[in-house]
């Protein structure tokens, strides 16, 4: 079991989750013979996985402070890698959206608008910044105080992304699971919002 435990922590965890996300998307698309229905199902599926990783990563510290146990300890210890898994899931989600726009531009424009595209692009920019500042080198370059300020500036946009994708996941037909109210997870995601403090970045496992 030591090897299995190692796969569920740190960078190996990110690798396993990333491979699972890519395999899931490929299975859905190939199972629908590369048609538009498979692409749209992939968009819905990655909306679900994005929300799950978002909730796990951004509620980790608050949940550990409220209910310290083995699960929340693991969640807090691996929040960096769960957050990066959220970024990977959103990247697959974006690729599926681009494929949808290219394969069926008429339906894409009927189901989107300029405001959605602009706000989505801004959100993706902040998600990319979040991912980049999750590495030790970039976090060290920013410094702890500047890194903390950047995290607080990203919170409203990231919470908005979480609510948006939770809504997509919850209203999509044939949903795989019922999600808790996104407001609860987003409230827990605010660093220090429940505990009154912001924890330093966790060390590598």
C-alpha atoms as a PDB file:
ATOM      1  CA  UNK A   1       0.000   0.000   0.000  1.00  0.00           C
ATOM      2  CA  UNK A   2       2.878   2.503   0.344  1.00  0.00           C
ATOM      3  CA  UNK A   3       2.994   2.900  -3.449  1.00  0.00           C
ATOM      4  CA  UNK A   4      -0.759   3.471  -3.621  1.00  0.00           C
ATOM      5  CA  UNK A   5      -0.499   6.029  -0.819  1.00  0.00           C
ATOM      6  CA  UNK A   6       2.266   7.838  -2.695  1.00  0.00           C
ATOM      7  CA  UNK A   7       0.056   8.077  -5.784  1.00  0.00           C
ATOM      8  CA  UNK A   8      -2.611   9.853  -3.735  1.00  0.00           C
ATOM      9  CA  UNK A   9      -0.369  12.674  -2.566  1.00  0.00           C
ATOM     10  CA  UNK A  10       1.603  15.500  -4.135  1.00  0.00           C
ATOM     11  CA  UNK A  11       2.649  15.597  -7.759  1.00  0.00           C
ATOM     12  CA  UNK A  12       1.752  11.918  -8.388  1.00  0.00           C
ATOM     13  CA  UNK A  13      -1.814  12.768  -7.370  1.00  0.00           C
ATOM     14  CA  UNK A  14      -1.882  15.567  -9.943  1.00  0.00           C
ATOM     15  CA  UNK A  15      -0.560  13.172 -12.593  1.00  0.00           C
ATOM     16  CA  UNK A  16      -3.160  10.507 -11.788  1.00  0.00           C
ATOM     17  CA  UNK A  17      -6.028  13.004 -11.812  1.00  0.00           C
ATOM     18  CA  UNK A  18      -4.811  14.625 -15.049  1.00  0.00           C
ATOM     19  CA  UNK A  19      -4.580  11.250 -16.801  1.00  0.00           C
ATOM     20  CA  UNK A  20      -8.041  10.360 -15.513  1.00  0.00           C
ATOM     21  CA  UNK A  21      -9.492  13.623 -16.855  1.00  0.00           C
ATOM     22  CA  UNK A  22      -7.945  13.152 -20.299  1.00  0.00           C
ATOM     23  CA  UNK A  23      -9.034   9.494 -20.384  1.00  0.00           C
ATOM     24  CA  UNK A  24     -12.587  10.461 -19.380  1.00  0.00           C
ATOM     25  CA  UNK A  25     -12.814  13.113 -22.114  1.00  0.00           C
ATOM     26  CA  UNK A  26     -11.348  10.767 -24.736  1.00  0.00           C
ATOM     27  CA  UNK A  27     -13.745   7.963 -23.754  1.00  0.00           C
ATOM     28  CA  UNK A  28     -16.767  10.256 -24.015  1.00  0.00           C
ATOM     29  CA  UNK A  29     -15.744  11.695 -27.391  1.00  0.00           C
ATOM     30  CA  UNK A  30     -14.742   8.351 -28.899  1.00  0.00           C
ATOM     31  CA  UNK A  31     -17.836   6.674 -27.452  1.00  0.00           C
ATOM     32  CA  UNK A  32     -19.928   9.153 -29.451  1.00  0.00           C
ATOM     33  CA  UNK A  33     -17.803   8.615 -32.574  1.00  0.00           C
ATOM     34  CA  UNK A  34     -16.381  12.144 -32.514  1.00  0.00           C
ATOM     35  CA  UNK A  35     -19.777  13.773 -33.052  1.00  0.00           C
ATOM     36  CA  UNK A  36     -21.054  17.011 -31.562  1.00  0.00           C
ATOM     37  CA  UNK A  37     -23.047  15.223 -28.849  1.00  0.00           C
ATOM     38  CA  UNK A  38     -19.834  13.749 -27.470  1.00  0.00           C
ATOM     39  CA  UNK A  39     -18.226  17.194 -27.394  1.00  0.00           C
ATOM     40  CA  UNK A  40     -21.180  18.701 -25.561  1.00  0.00           C
ATOM     41  CA  UNK A  41     -21.224  15.838 -23.069  1.00  0.00           C
ATOM     42  CA  UNK A  42     -17.516  16.417 -22.464  1.00  0.00           C
ATOM     43  CA  UNK A  43     -18.247  20.077 -21.705  1.00  0.00           C
ATOM     44  CA  UNK A  44     -20.846  19.042 -19.124  1.00  0.00           C
ATOM     45  CA  UNK A  45     -18.627  16.351 -17.598  1.00  0.00           C
ATOM     46  CA  UNK A  46     -15.647  18.669 -17.193  1.00  0.00           C
ATOM     47  CA  UNK A  47     -17.927  21.322 -15.673  1.00  0.00           C
ATOM     48  CA  UNK A  48     -18.683  18.742 -12.968  1.00  0.00           C
ATOM     49  CA  UNK A  49     -15.063  17.772 -12.397  1.00  0.00           C
ATOM     50  CA  UNK A  50     -13.982  21.427 -12.345  1.00  0.00           C
ATOM     51  CA  UNK A  51     -16.469  22.198  -9.610  1.00  0.00           C
ATOM     52  CA  UNK A  52     -15.423  19.158  -7.551  1.00  0.00           C
ATOM     53  CA  UNK A  53     -11.730  20.118  -7.679  1.00  0.00           C
ATOM     54  CA  UNK A  54     -12.569  23.768  -7.041  1.00  0.00           C
ATOM     55  CA  UNK A  55     -14.591  22.906  -3.929  1.00  0.00           C
ATOM     56  CA  UNK A  56     -11.951  20.498  -2.602  1.00  0.00           C
ATOM     57  CA  UNK A  57      -9.035  22.881  -3.120  1.00  0.00           C
ATOM     58  CA  UNK A  58     -10.550  26.137  -1.901  1.00  0.00           C
ATOM     59  CA  UNK A  59     -12.397  24.752   1.110  1.00  0.00           C
ATOM     60  CA  UNK A  60      -9.426  22.717   2.388  1.00  0.00           C
ATOM     61  CA  UNK A  61      -8.108  25.025   5.124  1.00  0.00           C
ATOM     62  CA  UNK A  62     -11.524  25.995   6.493  1.00  0.00           C
ATOM     63  CA  UNK A  63     -12.781  22.415   6.584  1.00  0.00           C
ATOM     64  CA  UNK A  64      -9.626  21.224   8.335  1.00  0.00           C
ATOM     65  CA  UNK A  65     -10.051  23.957  10.950  1.00  0.00           C
ATOM     66  CA  UNK A  66     -13.707  23.016  11.490  1.00  0.00           C
ATOM     67  CA  UNK A  67     -13.402  19.216  11.282  1.00  0.00           C
ATOM     68  CA  UNK A  68      -9.800  18.048  11.658  1.00  0.00           C
ATOM     69  CA  UNK A  69      -9.636  14.415  10.587  1.00  0.00           C
ATOM     70  CA  UNK A  70      -7.781  12.157   8.154  1.00  0.00           C
ATOM     71  CA  UNK A  71      -9.830  13.267   5.130  1.00  0.00           C
ATOM     72  CA  UNK A  72      -9.623  17.024   5.703  1.00  0.00           C
ATOM     73  CA  UNK A  73      -5.938  16.630   6.612  1.00  0.00           C
ATOM     74  CA  UNK A  74      -5.315  14.928   3.260  1.00  0.00           C
ATOM     75  CA  UNK A  75      -7.399  17.590   1.522  1.00  0.00           C
ATOM     76  CA  UNK A  76      -5.441  20.432   3.142  1.00  0.00           C
ATOM     77  CA  UNK A  77      -2.092  18.764   2.505  1.00  0.00           C
ATOM     78  CA  UNK A  78      -2.903  18.319  -1.195  1.00  0.00           C
ATOM     79  CA  UNK A  79      -4.842  21.522  -1.856  1.00  0.00           C
ATOM     80  CA  UNK A  80      -2.128  22.784  -4.235  1.00  0.00           C
ATOM     81  CA  UNK A  81      -2.462  19.685  -6.395  1.00  0.00           C
ATOM     82  CA  UNK A  82      -6.253  19.694  -6.224  1.00  0.00           C
ATOM     83  CA  UNK A  83      -6.160  23.325  -7.364  1.00  0.00           C
ATOM     84  CA  UNK A  84      -3.880  22.412 -10.249  1.00  0.00           C
ATOM     85  CA  UNK A  85      -6.254  19.554 -11.099  1.00  0.00           C
ATOM     86  CA  UNK A  86      -9.003  22.178 -11.281  1.00  0.00           C
ATOM     87  CA  UNK A  87      -6.839  24.067 -13.799  1.00  0.00           C
ATOM     88  CA  UNK A  88      -6.265  20.876 -15.830  1.00  0.00           C
ATOM     89  CA  UNK A  89      -9.991  20.111 -15.823  1.00  0.00           C
ATOM     90  CA  UNK A  90     -10.739  23.646 -16.980  1.00  0.00           C
ATOM     91  CA  UNK A  91      -8.167  23.298 -19.759  1.00  0.00           C
ATOM     92  CA  UNK A  92      -9.920  20.175 -21.047  1.00  0.00           C
ATOM     93  CA  UNK A  93     -13.217  22.040 -20.649  1.00  0.00           C
ATOM     94  CA  UNK A  94     -11.869  24.935 -22.744  1.00  0.00           C
ATOM     95  CA  UNK A  95     -10.624  22.544 -25.438  1.00  0.00           C
ATOM     96  CA  UNK A  96     -14.093  20.993 -25.644  1.00  0.00           C
ATOM     97  CA  UNK A  97     -15.695  24.442 -25.927  1.00  0.00           C
ATOM     98  CA  UNK A  98     -13.323  25.368 -28.770  1.00  0.00           C
ATOM     99  CA  UNK A  99     -14.153  22.074 -30.508  1.00  0.00           C
ATOM    100  CA  UNK A 100     -17.870  22.814 -30.096  1.00  0.00           C
ATOM    101  CA  UNK A 101     -17.406  26.292 -31.606  1.00  0.00           C
ATOM    102  CA  UNK A 102     -15.524  24.892 -34.585  1.00  0.00           C
ATOM    103  CA  UNK A 103     -17.781  21.895 -35.266  1.00  0.00           C
ATOM    104  CA  UNK A 104     -21.137  23.626 -34.758  1.00  0.00           C
ATOM    105  CA  UNK A 105     -20.634  27.414 -34.850  1.00  0.00           C
ATOM    106  CA  UNK A 106     -24.364  28.113 -35.266  1.00  0.00           C
ATOM    107  CA  UNK A 107     -25.345  26.332 -32.051  1.00  0.00           C
ATOM    108  CA  UNK A 108     -22.333  27.751 -30.254  1.00  0.00           C
ATOM    109  CA  UNK A 109     -23.348  31.328 -31.009  1.00  0.00           C
ATOM    110  CA  UNK A 110     -26.974  30.587 -30.107  1.00  0.00           C
ATOM    111  CA  UNK A 111     -25.875  29.347 -26.666  1.00  0.00           C
ATOM    112  CA  UNK A 112     -23.325  32.054 -25.934  1.00  0.00           C
ATOM    113  CA  UNK A 113     -22.910  35.806 -26.208  1.00  0.00           C
ATOM    114  CA  UNK A 114     -20.153  38.382 -26.182  1.00  0.00           C
ATOM    115  CA  UNK A 115     -20.460  38.991 -22.438  1.00  0.00           C
ATOM    116  CA  UNK A 116     -20.129  35.290 -21.674  1.00  0.00           C
ATOM    117  CA  UNK A 117     -17.080  34.952 -23.895  1.00  0.00           C
ATOM    118  CA  UNK A 118     -15.369  38.007 -22.359  1.00  0.00           C
ATOM    119  CA  UNK A 119     -16.119  37.043 -18.747  1.00  0.00           C
ATOM    120  CA  UNK A 120     -15.079  33.466 -19.442  1.00  0.00           C
ATOM    121  CA  UNK A 121     -11.813  34.655 -20.970  1.00  0.00           C
ATOM    122  CA  UNK A 122     -11.069  36.827 -17.930  1.00  0.00           C
ATOM    123  CA  UNK A 123     -11.829  33.921 -15.603  1.00  0.00           C
ATOM    124  CA  UNK A 124      -9.484  31.672 -17.564  1.00  0.00           C
ATOM    125  CA  UNK A 125      -6.775  34.307 -17.281  1.00  0.00           C
ATOM    126  CA  UNK A 126      -7.081  34.294 -13.506  1.00  0.00           C
ATOM    127  CA  UNK A 127      -7.148  30.497 -13.418  1.00  0.00           C
ATOM    128  CA  UNK A 128      -3.911  30.474 -15.420  1.00  0.00           C
ATOM    129  CA  UNK A 129      -2.406  32.946 -12.946  1.00  0.00           C
ATOM    130  CA  UNK A 130      -3.544  30.735 -10.081  1.00  0.00           C
ATOM    131  CA  UNK A 131      -1.873  27.713 -11.666  1.00  0.00           C
ATOM    132  CA  UNK A 132       1.369  29.570 -12.361  1.00  0.00           C
ATOM    133  CA  UNK A 133       1.628  30.895  -8.808  1.00  0.00           C
ATOM    134  CA  UNK A 134       1.078  27.397  -7.401  1.00  0.00           C
ATOM    135  CA  UNK A 135       4.698  26.502  -8.121  1.00  0.00           C
ATOM    136  CA  UNK A 136       7.421  27.146  -5.551  1.00  0.00           C
ATOM    137  CA  UNK A 137       9.573  29.212  -7.903  1.00  0.00           C
ATOM    138  CA  UNK A 138       6.830  31.654  -8.927  1.00  0.00           C
ATOM    139  CA  UNK A 139       5.458  31.867  -5.373  1.00  0.00           C
ATOM    140  CA  UNK A 140       8.974  32.595  -4.110  1.00  0.00           C
ATOM    141  CA  UNK A 141       9.444  35.281  -6.750  1.00  0.00           C
ATOM    142  CA  UNK A 142       6.239  37.006  -5.632  1.00  0.00           C
ATOM    143  CA  UNK A 143       7.079  36.710  -1.938  1.00  0.00           C
ATOM    144  CA  UNK A 144       4.609  35.580   0.765  1.00  0.00           C
ATOM    145  CA  UNK A 145       2.818  38.923   1.239  1.00  0.00           C
ATOM    146  CA  UNK A 146       2.432  39.661  -2.439  1.00  0.00           C
ATOM    147  CA  UNK A 147       1.366  36.069  -3.087  1.00  0.00           C
ATOM    148  CA  UNK A 148      -1.323  36.393  -0.403  1.00  0.00           C
ATOM    149  CA  UNK A 149      -2.612  39.678  -1.880  1.00  0.00           C
ATOM    150  CA  UNK A 150      -2.817  38.097  -5.332  1.00  0.00           C
ATOM    151  CA  UNK A 151      -4.801  35.183  -3.882  1.00  0.00           C
ATOM    152  CA  UNK A 152      -7.344  37.541  -2.300  1.00  0.00           C
ATOM    153  CA  UNK A 153      -7.739  39.454  -5.560  1.00  0.00           C
ATOM    154  CA  UNK A 154      -8.493  36.227  -7.424  1.00  0.00           C
ATOM    155  CA  UNK A 155     -11.098  34.957  -4.965  1.00  0.00           C
ATOM    156  CA  UNK A 156     -14.225  36.737  -6.342  1.00  0.00           C
ATOM    157  CA  UNK A 157     -13.540  35.641  -9.915  1.00  0.00           C
ATOM    158  CA  UNK A 158     -12.707  32.084  -8.904  1.00  0.00           C
ATOM    159  CA  UNK A 159     -15.823  31.856  -6.738  1.00  0.00           C
ATOM    160  CA  UNK A 160     -17.846  33.111  -9.704  1.00  0.00           C
ATOM    161  CA  UNK A 161     -16.300  30.413 -11.891  1.00  0.00           C
ATOM    162  CA  UNK A 162     -17.157  27.807  -9.273  1.00  0.00           C
ATOM    163  CA  UNK A 163     -20.784  28.951  -9.057  1.00  0.00           C
ATOM    164  CA  UNK A 164     -21.122  29.041 -12.845  1.00  0.00           C
ATOM    165  CA  UNK A 165     -19.787  25.540 -13.342  1.00  0.00           C
ATOM    166  CA  UNK A 166     -21.716  24.181 -10.377  1.00  0.00           C
ATOM    167  CA  UNK A 167     -24.848  25.480 -12.054  1.00  0.00           C
ATOM    168  CA  UNK A 168     -23.933  23.772 -15.308  1.00  0.00           C
ATOM    169  CA  UNK A 169     -23.169  20.533 -13.521  1.00  0.00           C
ATOM    170  CA  UNK A 170     -26.366  20.582 -11.499  1.00  0.00           C
ATOM    171  CA  UNK A 171     -28.738  21.366 -14.379  1.00  0.00           C
ATOM    172  CA  UNK A 172     -27.129  19.158 -17.027  1.00  0.00           C
ATOM    173  CA  UNK A 173     -29.309  16.203 -18.071  1.00  0.00           C
ATOM    174  CA  UNK A 174     -28.239  12.820 -16.759  1.00  0.00           C
ATOM    175  CA  UNK A 175     -26.070  14.333 -14.023  1.00  0.00           C
ATOM    176  CA  UNK A 176     -23.780  11.881 -12.274  1.00  0.00           C
ATOM    177  CA  UNK A 177     -24.215  13.246  -8.765  1.00  0.00           C
ATOM    178  CA  UNK A 178     -26.028  15.904  -6.765  1.00  0.00           C
ATOM    179  CA  UNK A 179     -23.711  18.653  -5.617  1.00  0.00           C
ATOM    180  CA  UNK A 180     -24.011  20.614  -2.364  1.00  0.00           C
ATOM    181  CA  UNK A 181     -25.129  24.226  -2.764  1.00  0.00           C
ATOM    182  CA  UNK A 182     -22.236  26.062  -4.413  1.00  0.00           C
ATOM    183  CA  UNK A 183     -22.633  28.959  -1.986  1.00  0.00           C
ATOM    184  CA  UNK A 184     -21.589  26.677   0.901  1.00  0.00           C
ATOM    185  CA  UNK A 185     -18.432  25.528  -0.863  1.00  0.00           C
ATOM    186  CA  UNK A 186     -17.599  29.052  -1.971  1.00  0.00           C
ATOM    187  CA  UNK A 187     -18.021  30.353   1.581  1.00  0.00           C
ATOM    188  CA  UNK A 188     -15.588  27.712   2.797  1.00  0.00           C
ATOM    189  CA  UNK A 189     -13.202  28.626   0.005  1.00  0.00           C
ATOM    190  CA  UNK A 190     -12.426  32.099   1.366  1.00  0.00           C
ATOM    191  CA  UNK A 191      -9.007  31.924   3.065  1.00  0.00           C
ATOM    192  CA  UNK A 192      -9.552  32.974   6.660  1.00  0.00           C
ATOM    193  CA  UNK A 193     -13.285  33.459   6.083  1.00  0.00           C
ATOM    194  CA  UNK A 194     -14.165  30.828   8.655  1.00  0.00           C
ATOM    195  CA  UNK A 195     -10.951  30.409  10.602  1.00  0.00           C
ATOM    196  CA  UNK A 196      -9.946  34.078  10.694  1.00  0.00           C
ATOM    197  CA  UNK A 197      -6.465  33.361   9.330  1.00  0.00           C
ATOM    198  CA  UNK A 198      -4.699  32.415   6.149  1.00  0.00           C
ATOM    199  CA  UNK A 199      -2.488  29.340   6.276  1.00  0.00           C
ATOM    200  CA  UNK A 200       0.935  29.366   4.622  1.00  0.00           C
ATOM    201  CA  UNK A 201       1.419  27.208   1.523  1.00  0.00           C
ATOM    202  CA  UNK A 202       1.716  23.531   2.544  1.00  0.00           C
ATOM    203  CA  UNK A 203       5.107  21.830   2.173  1.00  0.00           C
ATOM    204  CA  UNK A 204       5.672  19.158  -0.399  1.00  0.00           C
ATOM    205  CA  UNK A 205       4.568  15.747   0.855  1.00  0.00           C
END
